Amino acid sequence: MREYLEETGLRVKIKKPLGIISWGYKRDDTEYHVAENIFHMELDEGEKLENLKLSPDHDKFRWVNADEVKEVNPMVEERRDWLLKSLNDY
């Protein structure tokens, strides 16, 4: 939640952990490993999206539904079904 606050200026609470997705890639002869912790979150009481302020590390954001997520990040496409199932189980 601290990371979300740092990146957006908004306070959130976790409704449910959905899982961890682990994957890797190679760039310039270096192998990288990524572990993504996925949560279903909601804004804390009193927070408003109008107060969103992106950190200098980002220049834009947008909300997407499950069908649009692969357009934003093609690497997510393989995780789309898992994400939908996790949300439906919720």
PDB file of N, CA and C in Angstrom:
ATOM      1  N   MET A   1       0.825  -1.177   0.000  1.00  0.00           N
ATOM      2  CA  MET A   1       0.000   0.000   0.000  1.00  0.00           C
ATOM      3  C   MET A   1       0.877   1.252   0.000  1.00  0.00           C
ATOM      4  N   ARG A   2       2.040   1.146   0.635  1.00  0.00           N
ATOM      5  CA  ARG A   2       2.966   2.273   0.614  1.00  0.00           C
ATOM      6  C   ARG A   2       3.388   2.587  -0.809  1.00  0.00           C
ATOM      7  N   GLU A   3       3.667   1.551  -1.583  1.00  0.00           N
ATOM      8  CA  GLU A   3       4.082   1.745  -2.972  1.00  0.00           C
ATOM      9  C   GLU A   3       2.985   2.437  -3.779  1.00  0.00           C
ATOM     10  N   TYR A   4       1.760   2.034  -3.575  1.00  0.00           N
ATOM     11  CA  TYR A   4       0.647   2.653  -4.291  1.00  0.00           C
ATOM     12  C   TYR A   4       0.537   4.131  -3.921  1.00  0.00           C
ATOM     13  N   LEU A   5       0.687   4.432  -2.644  1.00  0.00           N
ATOM     14  CA  LEU A   5       0.658   5.827  -2.189  1.00  0.00           C
ATOM     15  C   LEU A   5       1.779   6.625  -2.840  1.00  0.00           C
ATOM     16  N   GLU A   6       2.990   6.057  -2.883  1.00  0.00           N
ATOM     17  CA  GLU A   6       4.119   6.756  -3.488  1.00  0.00           C
ATOM     18  C   GLU A   6       3.912   6.998  -4.984  1.00  0.00           C
ATOM     19  N   GLU A   7       3.298   6.053  -5.664  1.00  0.00           N
ATOM     20  CA  GLU A   7       3.140   6.154  -7.119  1.00  0.00           C
ATOM     21  C   GLU A   7       1.946   6.996  -7.537  1.00  0.00           C
ATOM     22  N   THR A   8       0.909   7.077  -6.685  1.00  0.00           N
ATOM     23  CA  THR A   8      -0.326   7.762  -7.096  1.00  0.00           C
ATOM     24  C   THR A   8      -0.769   8.879  -6.165  1.00  0.00           C
ATOM     25  N   GLY A   9      -0.242   8.909  -4.951  1.00  0.00           N
ATOM     26  CA  GLY A   9      -0.703   9.880  -3.975  1.00  0.00           C
ATOM     27  C   GLY A   9      -2.025   9.495  -3.331  1.00  0.00           C
ATOM     28  N   LEU A  10      -2.531   8.301  -3.622  1.00  0.00           N
ATOM     29  CA  LEU A  10      -3.809   7.856  -3.073  1.00  0.00           C
ATOM     30  C   LEU A  10      -3.600   6.748  -2.045  1.00  0.00           C
ATOM     31  N   ARG A  11      -4.417   6.769  -1.006  1.00  0.00           N
ATOM     32  CA  ARG A  11      -4.382   5.713   0.002  1.00  0.00           C
ATOM     33  C   ARG A  11      -5.417   4.645  -0.379  1.00  0.00           C
ATOM     34  N   VAL A  12      -4.984   3.397  -0.283  1.00  0.00           N
ATOM     35  CA  VAL A  12      -5.859   2.279  -0.639  1.00  0.00           C
ATOM     36  C   VAL A  12      -5.833   1.235   0.464  1.00  0.00           C
ATOM     37  N   LYS A  13      -6.807   0.344   0.408  1.00  0.00           N
ATOM     38  CA  LYS A  13      -6.792  -0.803   1.302  1.00  0.00           C
ATOM     39  C   LYS A  13      -6.960  -2.064   0.461  1.00  0.00           C
ATOM     40  N   ILE A  14      -6.340  -3.113   0.931  1.00  0.00           N
ATOM     41  CA  ILE A  14      -6.413  -4.400   0.236  1.00  0.00           C
ATOM     42  C   ILE A  14      -7.699  -5.096   0.646  1.00  0.00           C
ATOM     43  N   LYS A  15      -8.486  -5.473  -0.361  1.00  0.00           N
ATOM     44  CA  LYS A  15      -9.686  -6.252  -0.098  1.00  0.00           C
ATOM     45  C   LYS A  15      -9.360  -7.733  -0.061  1.00  0.00           C
ATOM     46  N   LYS A  16      -8.462  -8.157  -0.964  1.00  0.00           N
ATOM     47  CA  LYS A  16      -8.106  -9.570  -1.014  1.00  0.00           C
ATOM     48  C   LYS A  16      -6.822  -9.742  -1.816  1.00  0.00           C
ATOM     49  N   PRO A  17      -5.849 -10.515  -1.303  1.00  0.00           N
ATOM     50  CA  PRO A  17      -4.710 -10.881  -2.144  1.00  0.00           C
ATOM     51  C   PRO A  17      -5.190 -11.895  -3.186  1.00  0.00           C
ATOM     52  N   LEU A  18      -4.816 -11.685  -4.437  1.00  0.00           N
ATOM     53  CA  LEU A  18      -5.252 -12.574  -5.511  1.00  0.00           C
ATOM     54  C   LEU A  18      -4.193 -13.603  -5.874  1.00  0.00           C
ATOM     55  N   GLY A  19      -2.931 -13.300  -5.609  1.00  0.00           N
ATOM     56  CA  GLY A  19      -1.893 -14.273  -5.888  1.00  0.00           C
ATOM     57  C   GLY A  19      -0.589 -13.620  -6.301  1.00  0.00           C
ATOM     58  N   ILE A  20       0.361 -14.467  -6.659  1.00  0.00           N
ATOM     59  CA  ILE A  20       1.669 -14.015  -7.117  1.00  0.00           C
ATOM     60  C   ILE A  20       1.919 -14.614  -8.487  1.00  0.00           C
ATOM     61  N   ILE A  21       2.339 -13.777  -9.414  1.00  0.00           N
ATOM     62  CA  ILE A  21       2.688 -14.228 -10.754  1.00  0.00           C
ATOM     63  C   ILE A  21       4.188 -14.016 -10.915  1.00  0.00           C
ATOM     64  N   SER A  22       4.872 -15.058 -11.310  1.00  0.00           N
ATOM     65  CA  SER A  22       6.318 -14.999 -11.458  1.00  0.00           C
ATOM     66  C   SER A  22       6.688 -15.259 -12.910  1.00  0.00           C
ATOM     67  N   TRP A  23       7.587 -14.461 -13.441  1.00  0.00           N
ATOM     68  CA  TRP A  23       8.022 -14.616 -14.832  1.00  0.00           C
ATOM     69  C   TRP A  23       9.395 -13.997 -14.999  1.00  0.00           C
ATOM     70  N   GLY A  24      10.018 -14.251 -16.110  1.00  0.00           N
ATOM     71  CA  GLY A  24      11.350 -13.718 -16.356  1.00  0.00           C
ATOM     72  C   GLY A  24      11.543 -13.327 -17.805  1.00  0.00           C
ATOM     73  N   TYR A  25      12.608 -12.613 -18.038  1.00  0.00           N
ATOM     74  CA  TYR A  25      12.973 -12.206 -19.395  1.00  0.00           C
ATOM     75  C   TYR A  25      14.472 -11.952 -19.443  1.00  0.00           C
ATOM     76  N   LYS A  26      14.976 -11.869 -20.643  1.00  0.00           N
ATOM     77  CA  LYS A  26      16.402 -11.639 -20.844  1.00  0.00           C
ATOM     78  C   LYS A  26      16.579 -10.406 -21.718  1.00  0.00           C
ATOM     79  N   ARG A  27      17.514  -9.542 -21.301  1.00  0.00           N
ATOM     80  CA  ARG A  27      17.833  -8.352 -22.086  1.00  0.00           C
ATOM     81  C   ARG A  27      19.330  -8.114 -22.006  1.00  0.00           C
ATOM     82  N   ASP A  28      19.953  -7.953 -23.162  1.00  0.00           N
ATOM     83  CA  ASP A  28      21.393  -7.672 -23.208  1.00  0.00           C
ATOM     84  C   ASP A  28      22.206  -8.664 -22.377  1.00  0.00           C
ATOM     85  N   ASP A  29      21.948  -9.947 -22.572  1.00  0.00           N
ATOM     86  CA  ASP A  29      22.663 -11.025 -21.890  1.00  0.00           C
ATOM     87  C   ASP A  29      22.471 -11.050 -20.373  1.00  0.00           C
ATOM     88  N   THR A  30      21.495 -10.319 -19.877  1.00  0.00           N
ATOM     89  CA  THR A  30      21.185 -10.353 -18.450  1.00  0.00           C
ATOM     90  C   THR A  30      19.788 -10.926 -18.275  1.00  0.00           C
ATOM     91  N   GLU A  31      19.665 -11.894 -17.371  1.00  0.00           N
ATOM     92  CA  GLU A  31      18.364 -12.485 -17.087  1.00  0.00           C
ATOM     93  C   GLU A  31      17.732 -11.778 -15.891  1.00  0.00           C
ATOM     94  N   TYR A  32      16.447 -11.483 -16.013  1.00  0.00           N
ATOM     95  CA  TYR A  32      15.697 -10.807 -14.962  1.00  0.00           C
ATOM     96  C   TYR A  32      14.563 -11.714 -14.502  1.00  0.00           C
ATOM     97  N   HIS A  33      14.250 -11.648 -13.219  1.00  0.00           N
ATOM     98  CA  HIS A  33      13.125 -12.379 -12.655  1.00  0.00           C
ATOM     99  C   HIS A  33      12.186 -11.370 -12.016  1.00  0.00           C
ATOM    100  N   VAL A  34      10.903 -11.502 -12.310  1.00  0.00           N
ATOM    101  CA  VAL A  34       9.892 -10.580 -11.788  1.00  0.00           C
ATOM    102  C   VAL A  34       8.862 -11.392 -11.015  1.00  0.00           C
ATOM    103  N   ALA A  35       8.505 -10.936  -9.827  1.00  0.00           N
ATOM    104  CA  ALA A  35       7.426 -11.528  -9.043  1.00  0.00           C
ATOM    105  C   ALA A  35       6.402 -10.421  -8.797  1.00  0.00           C
ATOM    106  N   GLU A  36       5.208 -10.604  -9.321  1.00  0.00           N
ATOM    107  CA  GLU A  36       4.147  -9.609  -9.170  1.00  0.00           C
ATOM    108  C   GLU A  36       3.169 -10.081  -8.106  1.00  0.00           C
ATOM    109  N   ASN A  37       2.973  -9.269  -7.084  1.00  0.00           N
ATOM    110  CA  ASN A  37       1.951  -9.531  -6.076  1.00  0.00           C
ATOM    111  C   ASN A  37       0.684  -8.819  -6.524  1.00  0.00           C
ATOM    112  N   ILE A  38      -0.377  -9.586  -6.742  1.00  0.00           N
ATOM    113  CA  ILE A  38      -1.619  -9.036  -7.296  1.00  0.00           C
ATOM    114  C   ILE A  38      -2.664  -8.957  -6.184  1.00  0.00           C
ATOM    115  N   PHE A  39      -3.276  -7.780  -6.039  1.00  0.00           N
ATOM    116  CA  PHE A  39      -4.278  -7.553  -5.006  1.00  0.00           C
ATOM    117  C   PHE A  39      -5.524  -6.927  -5.605  1.00  0.00           C
ATOM    118  N   HIS A  40      -6.663  -7.242  -5.019  1.00  0.00           N
ATOM    119  CA  HIS A  40      -7.891  -6.502  -5.286  1.00  0.00           C
ATOM    120  C   HIS A  40      -7.928  -5.414  -4.225  1.00  0.00           C
ATOM    121  N   MET A  41      -7.875  -4.150  -4.665  1.00  0.00           N
ATOM    122  CA  MET A  41      -7.812  -3.030  -3.729  1.00  0.00           C
ATOM    123  C   MET A  41      -8.945  -2.058  -3.995  1.00  0.00           C
ATOM    124  N   GLU A  42      -9.196  -1.216  -3.024  1.00  0.00           N
ATOM    125  CA  GLU A  42     -10.138  -0.127  -3.203  1.00  0.00           C
ATOM    126  C   GLU A  42      -9.589   1.105  -2.499  1.00  0.00           C
ATOM    127  N   LEU A  43     -10.063   2.261  -2.907  1.00  0.00           N
ATOM    128  CA  LEU A  43      -9.615   3.502  -2.281  1.00  0.00           C
ATOM    129  C   LEU A  43     -10.059   3.549  -0.831  1.00  0.00           C
ATOM    130  N   ASP A  44      -9.200   4.104   0.039  1.00  0.00           N
ATOM    131  CA  ASP A  44      -9.603   4.331   1.420  1.00  0.00           C
ATOM    132  C   ASP A  44     -10.777   5.292   1.449  1.00  0.00           C
ATOM    133  N   GLU A  45     -11.541   5.202   2.513  1.00  0.00           N
ATOM    134  CA  GLU A  45     -12.687   6.100   2.677  1.00  0.00           C
ATOM    135  C   GLU A  45     -12.217   7.551   2.623  1.00  0.00           C
ATOM    136  N   GLY A  46     -12.889   8.350   1.858  1.00  0.00           N
ATOM    137  CA  GLY A  46     -12.535   9.758   1.715  1.00  0.00           C
ATOM    138  C   GLY A  46     -11.594  10.062   0.559  1.00  0.00           C
ATOM    139  N   GLU A  47     -10.930   9.056   0.005  1.00  0.00           N
ATOM    140  CA  GLU A  47     -10.039   9.267  -1.142  1.00  0.00           C
ATOM    141  C   GLU A  47     -10.863   9.419  -2.411  1.00  0.00           C
ATOM    142  N   LYS A  48     -10.399  10.250  -3.305  1.00  0.00           N
ATOM    143  CA  LYS A  48     -11.080  10.471  -4.580  1.00  0.00           C
ATOM    144  C   LYS A  48     -10.067  10.379  -5.714  1.00  0.00           C
ATOM    145  N   LEU A  49     -10.480   9.767  -6.823  1.00  0.00           N
ATOM    146  CA  LEU A  49      -9.576   9.650  -7.973  1.00  0.00           C
ATOM    147  C   LEU A  49      -9.123  11.009  -8.484  1.00  0.00           C
ATOM    148  N   GLU A  50      -9.918  12.028  -8.264  1.00  0.00           N
ATOM    149  CA  GLU A  50      -9.540  13.376  -8.712  1.00  0.00           C
ATOM    150  C   GLU A  50      -8.261  13.847  -8.020  1.00  0.00           C
ATOM    151  N   ASN A  51      -7.911  13.235  -6.888  1.00  0.00           N
ATOM    152  CA  ASN A  51      -6.707  13.608  -6.142  1.00  0.00           C
ATOM    153  C   ASN A  51      -5.475  12.858  -6.607  1.00  0.00           C
ATOM    154  N   LEU A  52      -5.618  12.010  -7.607  1.00  0.00           N
ATOM    155  CA  LEU A  52      -4.495  11.230  -8.101  1.00  0.00           C
ATOM    156  C   LEU A  52      -3.381  12.145  -8.592  1.00  0.00           C
ATOM    157  N   LYS A  53      -2.170  11.866  -8.137  1.00  0.00           N
ATOM    158  CA  LYS A  53      -0.996  12.623  -8.559  1.00  0.00           C
ATOM    159  C   LYS A  53       0.121  11.625  -8.815  1.00  0.00           C
ATOM    160  N   LEU A  54       0.447  11.411 -10.081  1.00  0.00           N
ATOM    161  CA  LEU A  54       1.458  10.425 -10.433  1.00  0.00           C
ATOM    162  C   LEU A  54       2.847  10.860  -9.985  1.00  0.00           C
ATOM    163  N   SER A  55       3.639   9.877  -9.597  1.00  0.00           N
ATOM    164  CA  SER A  55       5.018  10.170  -9.239  1.00  0.00           C
ATOM    165  C   SER A  55       5.781  10.569 -10.505  1.00  0.00           C
ATOM    166  N   PRO A  56       6.954  11.175 -10.375  1.00  0.00           N
ATOM    167  CA  PRO A  56       7.753  11.554 -11.545  1.00  0.00           C
ATOM    168  C   PRO A  56       8.179  10.355 -12.405  1.00  0.00           C
ATOM    169  N   ASP A  57       8.053   9.141 -11.854  1.00  0.00           N
ATOM    170  CA  ASP A  57       8.413   7.945 -12.616  1.00  0.00           C
ATOM    171  C   ASP A  57       7.399   7.617 -13.713  1.00  0.00           C
ATOM    172  N   HIS A  58       6.242   8.261 -13.681  1.00  0.00           N
ATOM    173  CA  HIS A  58       5.164   7.945 -14.616  1.00  0.00           C
ATOM    174  C   HIS A  58       4.680   9.213 -15.308  1.00  0.00           C
ATOM    175  N   ASP A  59       4.217   9.041 -16.548  1.00  0.00           N
ATOM    176  CA  ASP A  59       3.702  10.210 -17.258  1.00  0.00           C
ATOM    177  C   ASP A  59       2.223  10.079 -17.596  1.00  0.00           C
ATOM    178  N   LYS A  60       1.614   8.902 -17.359  1.00  0.00           N
ATOM    179  CA  LYS A  60       0.183   8.736 -17.621  1.00  0.00           C
ATOM    180  C   LYS A  60      -0.329   7.474 -16.936  1.00  0.00           C
ATOM    181  N   PHE A  61      -1.618   7.390 -16.822  1.00  0.00           N
ATOM    182  CA  PHE A  61      -2.271   6.187 -16.325  1.00  0.00           C
ATOM    183  C   PHE A  61      -3.644   6.108 -16.966  1.00  0.00           C
ATOM    184  N   ARG A  62      -4.233   4.920 -16.904  1.00  0.00           N
ATOM    185  CA  ARG A  62      -5.622   4.766 -17.318  1.00  0.00           C
ATOM    186  C   ARG A  62      -6.167   3.484 -16.704  1.00  0.00           C
ATOM    187  N   TRP A  63      -7.446   3.507 -16.396  1.00  0.00           N
ATOM    188  CA  TRP A  63      -8.112   2.314 -15.899  1.00  0.00           C
ATOM    189  C   TRP A  63      -8.487   1.468 -17.095  1.00  0.00           C
ATOM    190  N   VAL A  64      -8.341   0.169 -16.980  1.00  0.00           N
ATOM    191  CA  VAL A  64      -8.706  -0.732 -18.070  1.00  0.00           C
ATOM    192  C   VAL A  64      -9.532  -1.890 -17.527  1.00  0.00           C
ATOM    193  N   ASN A  65     -10.400  -2.429 -18.403  1.00  0.00           N
ATOM    194  CA  ASN A  65     -11.113  -3.637 -18.014  1.00  0.00           C
ATOM    195  C   ASN A  65     -10.278  -4.840 -18.439  1.00  0.00           C
ATOM    196  N   ALA A  66     -10.748  -6.032 -18.124  1.00  0.00           N
ATOM    197  CA  ALA A  66      -9.962  -7.237 -18.388  1.00  0.00           C
ATOM    198  C   ALA A  66      -9.662  -7.423 -19.866  1.00  0.00           C
ATOM    199  N   ASP A  67     -10.567  -7.038 -20.745  1.00  0.00           N
ATOM    200  CA  ASP A  67     -10.325  -7.203 -22.179  1.00  0.00           C
ATOM    201  C   ASP A  67      -9.286  -6.219 -22.707  1.00  0.00           C
ATOM    202  N   GLU A  68      -9.166  -5.067 -22.073  1.00  0.00           N
ATOM    203  CA  GLU A  68      -8.229  -4.041 -22.529  1.00  0.00           C
ATOM    204  C   GLU A  68      -6.818  -4.208 -21.974  1.00  0.00           C
ATOM    205  N   VAL A  69      -6.665  -5.013 -20.940  1.00  0.00           N
ATOM    206  CA  VAL A  69      -5.377  -5.078 -20.258  1.00  0.00           C
ATOM    207  C   VAL A  69      -4.263  -5.556 -21.186  1.00  0.00           C
ATOM    208  N   LYS A  70      -4.554  -6.457 -22.119  1.00  0.00           N
ATOM    209  CA  LYS A  70      -3.504  -6.943 -23.020  1.00  0.00           C
ATOM    210  C   LYS A  70      -3.074  -5.879 -24.021  1.00  0.00           C
ATOM    211  N   GLU A  71      -3.926  -4.879 -24.275  1.00  0.00           N
ATOM    212  CA  GLU A  71      -3.544  -3.784 -25.164  1.00  0.00           C
ATOM    213  C   GLU A  71      -2.521  -2.878 -24.494  1.00  0.00           C
ATOM    214  N   VAL A  72      -2.628  -2.742 -23.201  1.00  0.00           N
ATOM    215  CA  VAL A  72      -1.729  -1.879 -22.446  1.00  0.00           C
ATOM    216  C   VAL A  72      -0.369  -2.542 -22.268  1.00  0.00           C
ATOM    217  N   ASN A  73      -0.373  -3.820 -21.944  1.00  0.00           N
ATOM    218  CA  ASN A  73       0.864  -4.547 -21.704  1.00  0.00           C
ATOM    219  C   ASN A  73       0.706  -5.959 -22.261  1.00  0.00           C
ATOM    220  N   PRO A  74       1.286  -6.224 -23.432  1.00  0.00           N
ATOM    221  CA  PRO A  74       1.127  -7.554 -24.046  1.00  0.00           C
ATOM    222  C   PRO A  74       1.586  -8.692 -23.152  1.00  0.00           C
ATOM    223  N   MET A  75       2.502  -8.432 -22.218  1.00  0.00           N
ATOM    224  CA  MET A  75       2.971  -9.492 -21.333  1.00  0.00           C
ATOM    225  C   MET A  75       1.860  -9.956 -20.394  1.00  0.00           C
ATOM    226  N   VAL A  76       0.832  -9.133 -20.233  1.00  0.00           N
ATOM    227  CA  VAL A  76      -0.260  -9.470 -19.327  1.00  0.00           C
ATOM    228  C   VAL A  76      -1.235 -10.450 -19.973  1.00  0.00           C
ATOM    229  N   GLU A  77      -1.254 -10.524 -21.283  1.00  0.00           N
ATOM    230  CA  GLU A  77      -2.234 -11.361 -21.966  1.00  0.00           C
ATOM    231  C   GLU A  77      -2.236 -12.790 -21.431  1.00  0.00           C
ATOM    232  N   GLU A  78      -1.067 -13.352 -21.205  1.00  0.00           N
ATOM    233  CA  GLU A  78      -0.995 -14.728 -20.721  1.00  0.00           C
ATOM    234  C   GLU A  78      -1.548 -14.860 -19.307  1.00  0.00           C
ATOM    235  N   ARG A  79      -1.644 -13.765 -18.558  1.00  0.00           N
ATOM    236  CA  ARG A  79      -2.153 -13.792 -17.189  1.00  0.00           C
ATOM    237  C   ARG A  79      -3.611 -13.374 -17.096  1.00  0.00           C
ATOM    238  N   ARG A  80      -4.199 -12.968 -18.230  1.00  0.00           N
ATOM    239  CA  ARG A  80      -5.565 -12.446 -18.236  1.00  0.00           C
ATOM    240  C   ARG A  80      -6.569 -13.450 -17.678  1.00  0.00           C
ATOM    241  N   ASP A  81      -6.534 -14.690 -18.147  1.00  0.00           N
ATOM    242  CA  ASP A  81      -7.491 -15.694 -17.682  1.00  0.00           C
ATOM    243  C   ASP A  81      -7.347 -15.957 -16.194  1.00  0.00           C
ATOM    244  N   TRP A  82      -6.091 -16.008 -15.725  1.00  0.00           N
ATOM    245  CA  TRP A  82      -5.849 -16.206 -14.300  1.00  0.00           C
ATOM    246  C   TRP A  82      -6.456 -15.051 -13.500  1.00  0.00           C
ATOM    247  N   LEU A  83      -6.245 -13.829 -13.970  1.00  0.00           N
ATOM    248  CA  LEU A  83      -6.758 -12.658 -13.278  1.00  0.00           C
ATOM    249  C   LEU A  83      -8.285 -12.673 -13.251  1.00  0.00           C
ATOM    250  N   LEU A  84      -8.910 -12.966 -14.378  1.00  0.00           N
ATOM    251  CA  LEU A  84     -10.374 -13.023 -14.435  1.00  0.00           C
ATOM    252  C   LEU A  84     -10.924 -14.083 -13.482  1.00  0.00           C
ATOM    253  N   LYS A  85     -10.293 -15.254 -13.459  1.00  0.00           N
ATOM    254  CA  LYS A  85     -10.752 -16.314 -12.560  1.00  0.00           C
ATOM    255  C   LYS A  85     -10.615 -15.870 -11.112  1.00  0.00           C
ATOM    256  N   SER A  86      -9.506 -15.249 -10.777  1.00  0.00           N
ATOM    257  CA  SER A  86      -9.292 -14.786  -9.404  1.00  0.00           C
ATOM    258  C   SER A  86     -10.350 -13.783  -9.001  1.00  0.00           C
ATOM    259  N   LEU A  87     -10.679 -12.869  -9.887  1.00  0.00           N
ATOM    260  CA  LEU A  87     -11.700 -11.870  -9.578  1.00  0.00           C
ATOM    261  C   LEU A  87     -13.085 -12.495  -9.495  1.00  0.00           C
ATOM    262  N   ASN A  88     -13.376 -13.448 -10.371  1.00  0.00           N
ATOM    263  CA  ASN A  88     -14.675 -14.113 -10.334  1.00  0.00           C
ATOM    264  C   ASN A  88     -14.834 -14.960  -9.075  1.00  0.00           C
ATOM    265  N   ASP A  89     -13.747 -15.555  -8.595  1.00  0.00           N
ATOM    266  CA  ASP A  89     -13.798 -16.340  -7.369  1.00  0.00           C
ATOM    267  C   ASP A  89     -14.041 -15.452  -6.162  1.00  0.00           C
ATOM    268  N   TYR A  90     -13.745 -14.185  -6.302  1.00  0.00           N
ATOM    269  CA  TYR A  90     -13.887 -13.232  -5.206  1.00  0.00           C
ATOM    270  C   TYR A  90     -15.349 -12.954  -5.010  1.00  0.00           C
TER     271      TYR A  90
END
